[in-house]
Amino acid sequence: MKTIWKFPVFGPRRYTTRMPAGAEILSVQEQGDDVQMWALVDPSQPDEPRTFQGFGTGHPVDAVIVKYLDTLQFDGGDLIFHFFEVEPGKGGA
């Protein structure tokens, strides 16, 4: 049976987190003072590493993009970050 889990987002820098294999990312949003990611997961699946990164509008994208996830506005729209699943490796904001 699938369920929805929440995972913390660690700013725009590239980071890797573990989640059940095949997890489907649903959304990235602010929750209080933090940024969170929600995913539809099958808890019976083994964990696998997944790598994520945010990029500011106008900033270089120095990563191999796997999938676009969401765009968030901060400070009343003065800061815009676009969040992606990326290939693991060097680079990052």
PDB file of N, CA and C in Angstrom:
ATOM      1  N   MET A   1       0.848  -1.177   0.000  1.00  0.00           N
ATOM      2  CA  MET A   1       0.000   0.000   0.000  1.00  0.00           C
ATOM      3  C   MET A   1       0.893   1.238   0.000  1.00  0.00           C
ATOM      4  N   LYS A   2       0.552   2.208  -0.814  1.00  0.00           N
ATOM      5  CA  LYS A   2       1.326   3.446  -0.895  1.00  0.00           C
ATOM      6  C   LYS A   2       0.813   4.464   0.115  1.00  0.00           C
ATOM      7  N   THR A   3       1.689   5.379   0.461  1.00  0.00           N
ATOM      8  CA  THR A   3       1.363   6.458   1.375  1.00  0.00           C
ATOM      9  C   THR A   3       2.185   7.686   0.971  1.00  0.00           C
ATOM     10  N   ILE A   4       1.878   8.823   1.562  1.00  0.00           N
ATOM     11  CA  ILE A   4       2.621  10.045   1.263  1.00  0.00           C
ATOM     12  C   ILE A   4       3.537  10.353   2.434  1.00  0.00           C
ATOM     13  N   TRP A   5       4.815  10.549   2.118  1.00  0.00           N
ATOM     14  CA  TRP A   5       5.816  10.908   3.112  1.00  0.00           C
ATOM     15  C   TRP A   5       6.358  12.295   2.809  1.00  0.00           C
ATOM     16  N   LYS A   6       6.872  12.940   3.837  1.00  0.00           N
ATOM     17  CA  LYS A   6       7.472  14.270   3.715  1.00  0.00           C
ATOM     18  C   LYS A   6       8.974  14.146   3.938  1.00  0.00           C
ATOM     19  N   PHE A   7       9.745  14.872   3.123  1.00  0.00           N
ATOM     20  CA  PHE A   7      11.202  14.885   3.214  1.00  0.00           C
ATOM     21  C   PHE A   7      11.676  16.330   3.262  1.00  0.00           C
ATOM     22  N   PRO A   8      12.672  16.648   4.106  1.00  0.00           N
ATOM     23  CA  PRO A   8      13.185  18.015   4.140  1.00  0.00           C
ATOM     24  C   PRO A   8      13.973  18.339   2.880  1.00  0.00           C
ATOM     25  N   VAL A   9      13.900  19.606   2.473  1.00  0.00           N
ATOM     26  CA  VAL A   9      14.693  20.118   1.352  1.00  0.00           C
ATOM     27  C   VAL A   9      15.797  20.971   1.956  1.00  0.00           C
ATOM     28  N   PHE A  10      17.025  20.733   1.542  1.00  0.00           N
ATOM     29  CA  PHE A  10      18.180  21.393   2.134  1.00  0.00           C
ATOM     30  C   PHE A  10      18.665  22.545   1.260  1.00  0.00           C
ATOM     31  N   GLY A  11      17.799  23.535   1.086  1.00  0.00           N
ATOM     32  CA  GLY A  11      18.168  24.741   0.350  1.00  0.00           C
ATOM     33  C   GLY A  11      18.487  24.461  -1.100  1.00  0.00           C
ATOM     34  N   PRO A  12      19.127  25.409  -1.743  1.00  0.00           N
ATOM     35  CA  PRO A  12      19.407  25.234  -3.167  1.00  0.00           C
ATOM     36  C   PRO A  12      20.618  24.344  -3.441  1.00  0.00           C
ATOM     37  N   ARG A  13      21.414  24.035  -2.408  1.00  0.00           N
ATOM     38  CA  ARG A  13      22.602  23.217  -2.656  1.00  0.00           C
ATOM     39  C   ARG A  13      22.217  21.796  -3.042  1.00  0.00           C
ATOM     40  N   ARG A  14      23.104  21.128  -3.752  1.00  0.00           N
ATOM     41  CA  ARG A  14      22.868  19.737  -4.145  1.00  0.00           C
ATOM     42  C   ARG A  14      22.990  18.838  -2.919  1.00  0.00           C
ATOM     43  N   TYR A  15      22.048  17.934  -2.757  1.00  0.00           N
ATOM     44  CA  TYR A  15      22.088  16.996  -1.638  1.00  0.00           C
ATOM     45  C   TYR A  15      21.433  15.689  -2.059  1.00  0.00           C
ATOM     46  N   THR A  16      21.769  14.640  -1.337  1.00  0.00           N
ATOM     47  CA  THR A  16      21.207  13.315  -1.604  1.00  0.00           C
ATOM     48  C   THR A  16      20.469  12.851  -0.359  1.00  0.00           C
ATOM     49  N   THR A  17      19.300  12.272  -0.567  1.00  0.00           N
ATOM     50  CA  THR A  17      18.520  11.702   0.517  1.00  0.00           C
ATOM     51  C   THR A  17      18.049  10.317   0.098  1.00  0.00           C
ATOM     52  N   ARG A  18      17.690   9.518   1.060  1.00  0.00           N
ATOM     53  CA  ARG A  18      17.214   8.170   0.772  1.00  0.00           C
ATOM     54  C   ARG A  18      15.698   8.138   0.901  1.00  0.00           C
ATOM     55  N   MET A  19      15.063   7.452  -0.045  1.00  0.00           N
ATOM     56  CA  MET A  19      13.613   7.259  -0.014  1.00  0.00           C
ATOM     57  C   MET A  19      13.295   5.926  -0.665  1.00  0.00           C
ATOM     58  N   PRO A  20      12.114   5.373  -0.400  1.00  0.00           N
ATOM     59  CA  PRO A  20      11.780   4.080  -0.992  1.00  0.00           C
ATOM     60  C   PRO A  20      11.882   4.114  -2.523  1.00  0.00           C
ATOM     61  N   ALA A  21      12.407   3.048  -3.089  1.00  0.00           N
ATOM     62  CA  ALA A  21      12.566   2.939  -4.541  1.00  0.00           C
ATOM     63  C   ALA A  21      11.244   3.238  -5.239  1.00  0.00           C
ATOM     64  N   GLY A  22      11.333   3.993  -6.318  1.00  0.00           N
ATOM     65  CA  GLY A  22      10.151   4.319  -7.109  1.00  0.00           C
ATOM     66  C   GLY A  22       9.304   5.441  -6.553  1.00  0.00           C
ATOM     67  N   ALA A  23       9.764   6.112  -5.492  1.00  0.00           N
ATOM     68  CA  ALA A  23       8.989   7.212  -4.904  1.00  0.00           C
ATOM     69  C   ALA A  23       8.696   8.266  -5.967  1.00  0.00           C
ATOM     70  N   GLU A  24       7.462   8.744  -5.989  1.00  0.00           N
ATOM     71  CA  GLU A  24       7.027   9.770  -6.946  1.00  0.00           C
ATOM     72  C   GLU A  24       6.921  11.103  -6.217  1.00  0.00           C
ATOM     73  N   ILE A  25       7.742  12.073  -6.618  1.00  0.00           N
ATOM     74  CA  ILE A  25       7.720  13.395  -5.993  1.00  0.00           C
ATOM     75  C   ILE A  25       6.440  14.100  -6.423  1.00  0.00           C
ATOM     76  N   LEU A  26       5.689  14.596  -5.444  1.00  0.00           N
ATOM     77  CA  LEU A  26       4.411  15.252  -5.710  1.00  0.00           C
ATOM     78  C   LEU A  26       4.519  16.770  -5.693  1.00  0.00           C
ATOM     79  N   SER A  27       5.304  17.307  -4.749  1.00  0.00           N
ATOM     80  CA  SER A  27       5.329  18.755  -4.575  1.00  0.00           C
ATOM     81  C   SER A  27       6.521  19.161  -3.728  1.00  0.00           C
ATOM     82  N   VAL A  28       6.973  20.400  -3.932  1.00  0.00           N
ATOM     83  CA  VAL A  28       7.969  21.035  -3.074  1.00  0.00           C
ATOM     84  C   VAL A  28       7.363  22.365  -2.656  1.00  0.00           C
ATOM     85  N   GLN A  29       7.265  22.605  -1.334  1.00  0.00           N
ATOM     86  CA  GLN A  29       6.615  23.827  -0.846  1.00  0.00           C
ATOM     87  C   GLN A  29       7.215  24.254   0.479  1.00  0.00           C
ATOM     88  N   GLU A  30       6.962  25.519   0.819  1.00  0.00           N
ATOM     89  CA  GLU A  30       7.305  25.997   2.150  1.00  0.00           C
ATOM     90  C   GLU A  30       6.281  25.456   3.141  1.00  0.00           C
ATOM     91  N   GLN A  31       6.762  25.084   4.314  1.00  0.00           N
ATOM     92  CA  GLN A  31       5.896  24.719   5.430  1.00  0.00           C
ATOM     93  C   GLN A  31       6.501  25.393   6.654  1.00  0.00           C
ATOM     94  N   GLY A  32       5.861  26.435   7.117  1.00  0.00           N
ATOM     95  CA  GLY A  32       6.437  27.241   8.185  1.00  0.00           C
ATOM     96  C   GLY A  32       7.703  27.905   7.684  1.00  0.00           C
ATOM     97  N   ASP A  33       8.803  27.724   8.418  1.00  0.00           N
ATOM     98  CA  ASP A  33      10.086  28.315   8.031  1.00  0.00           C
ATOM     99  C   ASP A  33      10.958  27.364   7.220  1.00  0.00           C
ATOM    100  N   ASP A  34      10.438  26.212   6.870  1.00  0.00           N
ATOM    101  CA  ASP A  34      11.225  25.194   6.167  1.00  0.00           C
ATOM    102  C   ASP A  34      10.652  24.928   4.782  1.00  0.00           C
ATOM    103  N   VAL A  35      11.461  24.279   3.954  1.00  0.00           N
ATOM    104  CA  VAL A  35      10.999  23.802   2.649  1.00  0.00           C
ATOM    105  C   VAL A  35      10.935  22.285   2.738  1.00  0.00           C
ATOM    106  N   GLN A  36       9.832  21.730   2.277  1.00  0.00           N
ATOM    107  CA  GLN A  36       9.592  20.287   2.354  1.00  0.00           C
ATOM    108  C   GLN A  36       9.234  19.751   0.971  1.00  0.00           C
ATOM    109  N   MET A  37       9.449  18.443   0.809  1.00  0.00           N
ATOM    110  CA  MET A  37       9.090  17.734  -0.412  1.00  0.00           C
ATOM    111  C   MET A  37       8.163  16.594  -0.007  1.00  0.00           C
ATOM    112  N   TRP A  38       7.079  16.439  -0.735  1.00  0.00           N
ATOM    113  CA  TRP A  38       6.146  15.345  -0.479  1.00  0.00           C
ATOM    114  C   TRP A  38       6.251  14.339  -1.619  1.00  0.00           C
ATOM    115  N   ALA A  39       6.230  13.061  -1.255  1.00  0.00           N
ATOM    116  CA  ALA A  39       6.361  12.002  -2.248  1.00  0.00           C
ATOM    117  C   ALA A  39       5.393  10.874  -1.939  1.00  0.00           C
ATOM    118  N   LEU A  40       4.868  10.279  -2.992  1.00  0.00           N
ATOM    119  CA  LEU A  40       4.043   9.081  -2.891  1.00  0.00           C
ATOM    120  C   LEU A  40       5.007   7.898  -2.874  1.00  0.00           C
ATOM    121  N   VAL A  41       4.998   7.129  -1.793  1.00  0.00           N
ATOM    122  CA  VAL A  41       5.972   6.047  -1.622  1.00  0.00           C
ATOM    123  C   VAL A  41       5.282   4.730  -1.302  1.00  0.00           C
ATOM    124  N   ASP A  42       5.993   3.673  -1.620  1.00  0.00           N
ATOM    125  CA  ASP A  42       5.606   2.335  -1.187  1.00  0.00           C
ATOM    126  C   ASP A  42       6.602   1.955  -0.101  1.00  0.00           C
ATOM    127  N   PRO A  43       6.212   2.026   1.177  1.00  0.00           N
ATOM    128  CA  PRO A  43       7.150   1.776   2.278  1.00  0.00           C
ATOM    129  C   PRO A  43       7.771   0.383   2.264  1.00  0.00           C
ATOM    130  N   SER A  44       7.179  -0.555   1.526  1.00  0.00           N
ATOM    131  CA  SER A  44       7.746  -1.902   1.482  1.00  0.00           C
ATOM    132  C   SER A  44       8.949  -1.996   0.553  1.00  0.00           C
ATOM    133  N   GLN A  45       9.193  -0.951  -0.245  1.00  0.00           N
ATOM    134  CA  GLN A  45      10.333  -0.953  -1.166  1.00  0.00           C
ATOM    135  C   GLN A  45      11.624  -0.592  -0.430  1.00  0.00           C
ATOM    136  N   PRO A  46      12.754  -1.116  -0.879  1.00  0.00           N
ATOM    137  CA  PRO A  46      14.026  -0.753  -0.249  1.00  0.00           C
ATOM    138  C   PRO A  46      14.379   0.710  -0.548  1.00  0.00           C
ATOM    139  N   ASP A  47      15.094   1.324   0.374  1.00  0.00           N
ATOM    140  CA  ASP A  47      15.530   2.704   0.165  1.00  0.00           C
ATOM    141  C   ASP A  47      16.554   2.785  -0.958  1.00  0.00           C
ATOM    142  N   GLU A  48      16.543   3.917  -1.653  1.00  0.00           N
ATOM    143  CA  GLU A  48      17.537   4.205  -2.674  1.00  0.00           C
ATOM    144  C   GLU A  48      17.931   5.678  -2.543  1.00  0.00           C
ATOM    145  N   PRO A  49      19.150   6.035  -2.934  1.00  0.00           N
ATOM    146  CA  PRO A  49      19.553   7.437  -2.878  1.00  0.00           C
ATOM    147  C   PRO A  49      18.954   8.223  -4.042  1.00  0.00           C
ATOM    148  N   ARG A  50      18.515   9.447  -3.753  1.00  0.00           N
ATOM    149  CA  ARG A  50      18.004  10.361  -4.776  1.00  0.00           C
ATOM    150  C   ARG A  50      18.657  11.715  -4.531  1.00  0.00           C
ATOM    151  N   THR A  51      19.019  12.414  -5.601  1.00  0.00           N
ATOM    152  CA  THR A  51      19.757  13.666  -5.499  1.00  0.00           C
ATOM    153  C   THR A  51      18.906  14.809  -6.030  1.00  0.00           C
ATOM    154  N   PHE A  52      18.929  15.941  -5.302  1.00  0.00           N
ATOM    155  CA  PHE A  52      18.080  17.081  -5.609  1.00  0.00           C
ATOM    156  C   PHE A  52      18.890  18.375  -5.533  1.00  0.00           C
ATOM    157  N   GLN A  53      18.406  19.394  -6.252  1.00  0.00           N
ATOM    158  CA  GLN A  53      19.061  20.690  -6.200  1.00  0.00           C
ATOM    159  C   GLN A  53      18.094  21.769  -6.663  1.00  0.00           C
ATOM    160  N   GLY A  54      18.244  22.954  -6.052  1.00  0.00           N
ATOM    161  CA  GLY A  54      17.489  24.126  -6.478  1.00  0.00           C
ATOM    162  C   GLY A  54      18.410  25.095  -7.204  1.00  0.00           C
ATOM    163  N   PHE A  55      17.856  25.800  -8.189  1.00  0.00           N
ATOM    164  CA  PHE A  55      18.608  26.796  -8.951  1.00  0.00           C
ATOM    165  C   PHE A  55      17.812  28.090  -8.981  1.00  0.00           C
ATOM    166  N   GLY A  56      18.493  29.190  -8.716  1.00  0.00           N
ATOM    167  CA  GLY A  56      17.852  30.490  -8.803  1.00  0.00           C
ATOM    168  C   GLY A  56      17.658  30.905 -10.249  1.00  0.00           C
ATOM    169  N   THR A  57      16.620  31.691 -10.492  1.00  0.00           N
ATOM    170  CA  THR A  57      16.396  32.239 -11.829  1.00  0.00           C
ATOM    171  C   THR A  57      17.626  33.040 -12.248  1.00  0.00           C
ATOM    172  N   GLY A  58      18.130  32.769 -13.447  1.00  0.00           N
ATOM    173  CA  GLY A  58      19.295  33.468 -13.970  1.00  0.00           C
ATOM    174  C   GLY A  58      20.623  32.865 -13.553  1.00  0.00           C
ATOM    175  N   HIS A  59      20.605  31.853 -12.683  1.00  0.00           N
ATOM    176  CA  HIS A  59      21.845  31.209 -12.245  1.00  0.00           C
ATOM    177  C   HIS A  59      22.184  30.053 -13.180  1.00  0.00           C
ATOM    178  N   PRO A  60      23.469  29.720 -13.307  1.00  0.00           N
ATOM    179  CA  PRO A  60      23.841  28.577 -14.148  1.00  0.00           C
ATOM    180  C   PRO A  60      23.271  27.269 -13.600  1.00  0.00           C
ATOM    181  N   VAL A  61      22.869  26.412 -14.494  1.00  0.00           N
ATOM    182  CA  VAL A  61      22.387  25.076 -14.120  1.00  0.00           C
ATOM    183  C   VAL A  61      23.518  24.113 -14.451  1.00  0.00           C
ATOM    184  N   ASP A  62      24.321  23.794 -13.435  1.00  0.00           N
ATOM    185  CA  ASP A  62      25.508  22.963 -13.628  1.00  0.00           C
ATOM    186  C   ASP A  62      25.242  21.539 -13.171  1.00  0.00           C
ATOM    187  N   ALA A  63      24.163  20.963 -13.672  1.00  0.00           N
ATOM    188  CA  ALA A  63      23.776  19.609 -13.282  1.00  0.00           C
ATOM    189  C   ALA A  63      23.070  18.948 -14.454  1.00  0.00           C
ATOM    190  N   VAL A  64      23.074  17.620 -14.431  1.00  0.00           N
ATOM    191  CA  VAL A  64      22.282  16.855 -15.385  1.00  0.00           C
ATOM    192  C   VAL A  64      20.903  16.675 -14.766  1.00  0.00           C
ATOM    193  N   ILE A  65      19.898  17.265 -15.393  1.00  0.00           N
ATOM    194  CA  ILE A  65      18.534  17.257 -14.872  1.00  0.00           C
ATOM    195  C   ILE A  65      17.880  15.900 -15.130  1.00  0.00           C
ATOM    196  N   VAL A  66      17.305  15.332 -14.080  1.00  0.00           N
ATOM    197  CA  VAL A  66      16.510  14.111 -14.206  1.00  0.00           C
ATOM    198  C   VAL A  66      15.042  14.495 -14.386  1.00  0.00           C
ATOM    199  N   LYS A  67      14.565  15.435 -13.521  1.00  0.00           N
ATOM    200  CA  LYS A  67      13.159  15.816 -13.585  1.00  0.00           C
ATOM    201  C   LYS A  67      12.943  17.142 -12.870  1.00  0.00           C
ATOM    202  N   TYR A  68      12.136  18.008 -13.472  1.00  0.00           N
ATOM    203  CA  TYR A  68      11.698  19.239 -12.812  1.00  0.00           C
ATOM    204  C   TYR A  68      10.686  18.879 -11.736  1.00  0.00           C
ATOM    205  N   LEU A  69      10.786  19.535 -10.566  1.00  0.00           N
ATOM    206  CA  LEU A  69       9.881  19.237  -9.455  1.00  0.00           C
ATOM    207  C   LEU A  69       8.915  20.376  -9.159  1.00  0.00           C
ATOM    208  N   ASP A  70       9.436  21.592  -8.944  1.00  0.00           N
ATOM    209  CA  ASP A  70       8.561  22.698  -8.540  1.00  0.00           C
ATOM    210  C   ASP A  70       9.353  24.000  -8.523  1.00  0.00           C
ATOM    211  N   THR A  71       8.649  25.118  -8.480  1.00  0.00           N
ATOM    212  CA  THR A  71       9.241  26.448  -8.358  1.00  0.00           C
ATOM    213  C   THR A  71       8.664  27.109  -7.122  1.00  0.00           C
ATOM    214  N   LEU A  72       9.542  27.714  -6.310  1.00  0.00           N
ATOM    215  CA  LEU A  72       9.109  28.410  -5.092  1.00  0.00           C
ATOM    216  C   LEU A  72       9.578  29.849  -5.123  1.00  0.00           C
ATOM    217  N   GLN A  73       8.736  30.727  -4.582  1.00  0.00           N
ATOM    218  CA  GLN A  73       9.062  32.139  -4.445  1.00  0.00           C
ATOM    219  C   GLN A  73       9.290  32.441  -2.968  1.00  0.00           C
ATOM    220  N   PHE A  74      10.377  33.167  -2.686  1.00  0.00           N
ATOM    221  CA  PHE A  74      10.713  33.555  -1.326  1.00  0.00           C
ATOM    222  C   PHE A  74      10.808  35.075  -1.254  1.00  0.00           C
ATOM    223  N   ASP A  75      10.743  35.603  -0.051  1.00  0.00           N
ATOM    224  CA  ASP A  75      10.870  37.053   0.190  1.00  0.00           C
ATOM    225  C   ASP A  75       9.928  37.851  -0.708  1.00  0.00           C
ATOM    226  N   GLY A  76       8.663  37.443  -0.714  1.00  0.00           N
ATOM    227  CA  GLY A  76       7.663  38.174  -1.484  1.00  0.00           C
ATOM    228  C   GLY A  76       7.885  38.139  -2.983  1.00  0.00           C
ATOM    229  N   GLY A  77       8.577  37.121  -3.463  1.00  0.00           N
ATOM    230  CA  GLY A  77       8.822  36.982  -4.898  1.00  0.00           C
ATOM    231  C   GLY A  77      10.148  37.549  -5.344  1.00  0.00           C
ATOM    232  N   ASP A  78      10.955  38.063  -4.407  1.00  0.00           N
ATOM    233  CA  ASP A  78      12.270  38.593  -4.782  1.00  0.00           C
ATOM    234  C   ASP A  78      13.273  37.490  -5.096  1.00  0.00           C
ATOM    235  N   LEU A  79      13.097  36.318  -4.492  1.00  0.00           N
ATOM    236  CA  LEU A  79      13.964  35.168  -4.755  1.00  0.00           C
ATOM    237  C   LEU A  79      13.122  34.024  -5.306  1.00  0.00           C
ATOM    238  N   ILE A  80      13.517  33.517  -6.469  1.00  0.00           N
ATOM    239  CA  ILE A  80      12.801  32.419  -7.105  1.00  0.00           C
ATOM    240  C   ILE A  80      13.777  31.261  -7.266  1.00  0.00           C
ATOM    241  N   PHE A  81      13.391  30.080  -6.776  1.00  0.00           N
ATOM    242  CA  PHE A  81      14.208  28.889  -6.942  1.00  0.00           C
ATOM    243  C   PHE A  81      13.385  27.801  -7.618  1.00  0.00           C
ATOM    244  N   HIS A  82      14.038  27.103  -8.546  1.00  0.00           N
ATOM    245  CA  HIS A  82      13.436  26.019  -9.315  1.00  0.00           C
ATOM    246  C   HIS A  82      14.117  24.735  -8.853  1.00  0.00           C
ATOM    247  N   PHE A  83      13.324  23.769  -8.402  1.00  0.00           N
ATOM    248  CA  PHE A  83      13.861  22.554  -7.809  1.00  0.00           C
ATOM    249  C   PHE A  83      13.752  21.384  -8.784  1.00  0.00           C
ATOM    250  N   PHE A  84      14.844  20.599  -8.825  1.00  0.00           N
ATOM    251  CA  PHE A  84      14.968  19.487  -9.757  1.00  0.00           C
ATOM    252  C   PHE A  84      15.530  18.272  -9.043  1.00  0.00           C
ATOM    253  N   GLU A  85      15.193  17.093  -9.584  1.00  0.00           N
ATOM    254  CA  GLU A  85      15.987  15.912  -9.268  1.00  0.00           C
ATOM    255  C   GLU A  85      17.118  15.918 -10.275  1.00  0.00           C
ATOM    256  N   VAL A  86      18.335  15.673  -9.806  1.00  0.00           N
ATOM    257  CA  VAL A  86      19.513  15.737 -10.668  1.00  0.00           C
ATOM    258  C   VAL A  86      20.336  14.464 -10.540  1.00  0.00           C
ATOM    259  N   GLU A  87      21.214  14.254 -11.506  1.00  0.00           N
ATOM    260  CA  GLU A  87      22.165  13.153 -11.426  1.00  0.00           C
ATOM    261  C   GLU A  87      23.158  13.461 -10.314  1.00  0.00           C
ATOM    262  N   PRO A  88      23.566  12.455  -9.534  1.00  0.00           N
ATOM    263  CA  PRO A  88      24.582  12.700  -8.517  1.00  0.00           C
ATOM    264  C   PRO A  88      25.890  13.113  -9.180  1.00  0.00           C
ATOM    265  N   GLY A  89      26.705  13.855  -8.474  1.00  0.00           N
ATOM    266  CA  GLY A  89      28.004  14.239  -9.022  1.00  0.00           C
ATOM    267  C   GLY A  89      28.425  15.599  -8.525  1.00  0.00           C
ATOM    268  N   LYS A  90      29.492  16.099  -9.099  1.00  0.00           N
ATOM    269  CA  LYS A  90      30.035  17.384  -8.701  1.00  0.00           C
ATOM    270  C   LYS A  90      29.188  18.515  -9.240  1.00  0.00           C
ATOM    271  N   GLY A  91      29.443  19.684  -8.685  1.00  0.00           N
ATOM    272  CA  GLY A  91      28.707  20.876  -9.090  1.00  0.00           C
ATOM    273  C   GLY A  91      27.737  21.267  -8.017  1.00  0.00           C
ATOM    274  N   GLY A  92      26.958  22.268  -8.300  1.00  0.00           N
ATOM    275  CA  GLY A  92      25.926  22.659  -7.357  1.00  0.00           C
ATOM    276  C   GLY A  92      26.102  24.067  -6.859  1.00  0.00           C
ATOM    277  N   ALA A  93      25.016  24.580  -6.347  1.00  0.00           N
ATOM    278  CA  ALA A  93      24.994  25.950  -5.873  1.00  0.00           C
ATOM    279  C   ALA A  93      25.600  26.029  -4.497  1.00  0.00           C
TER     280      ALA A  93
END
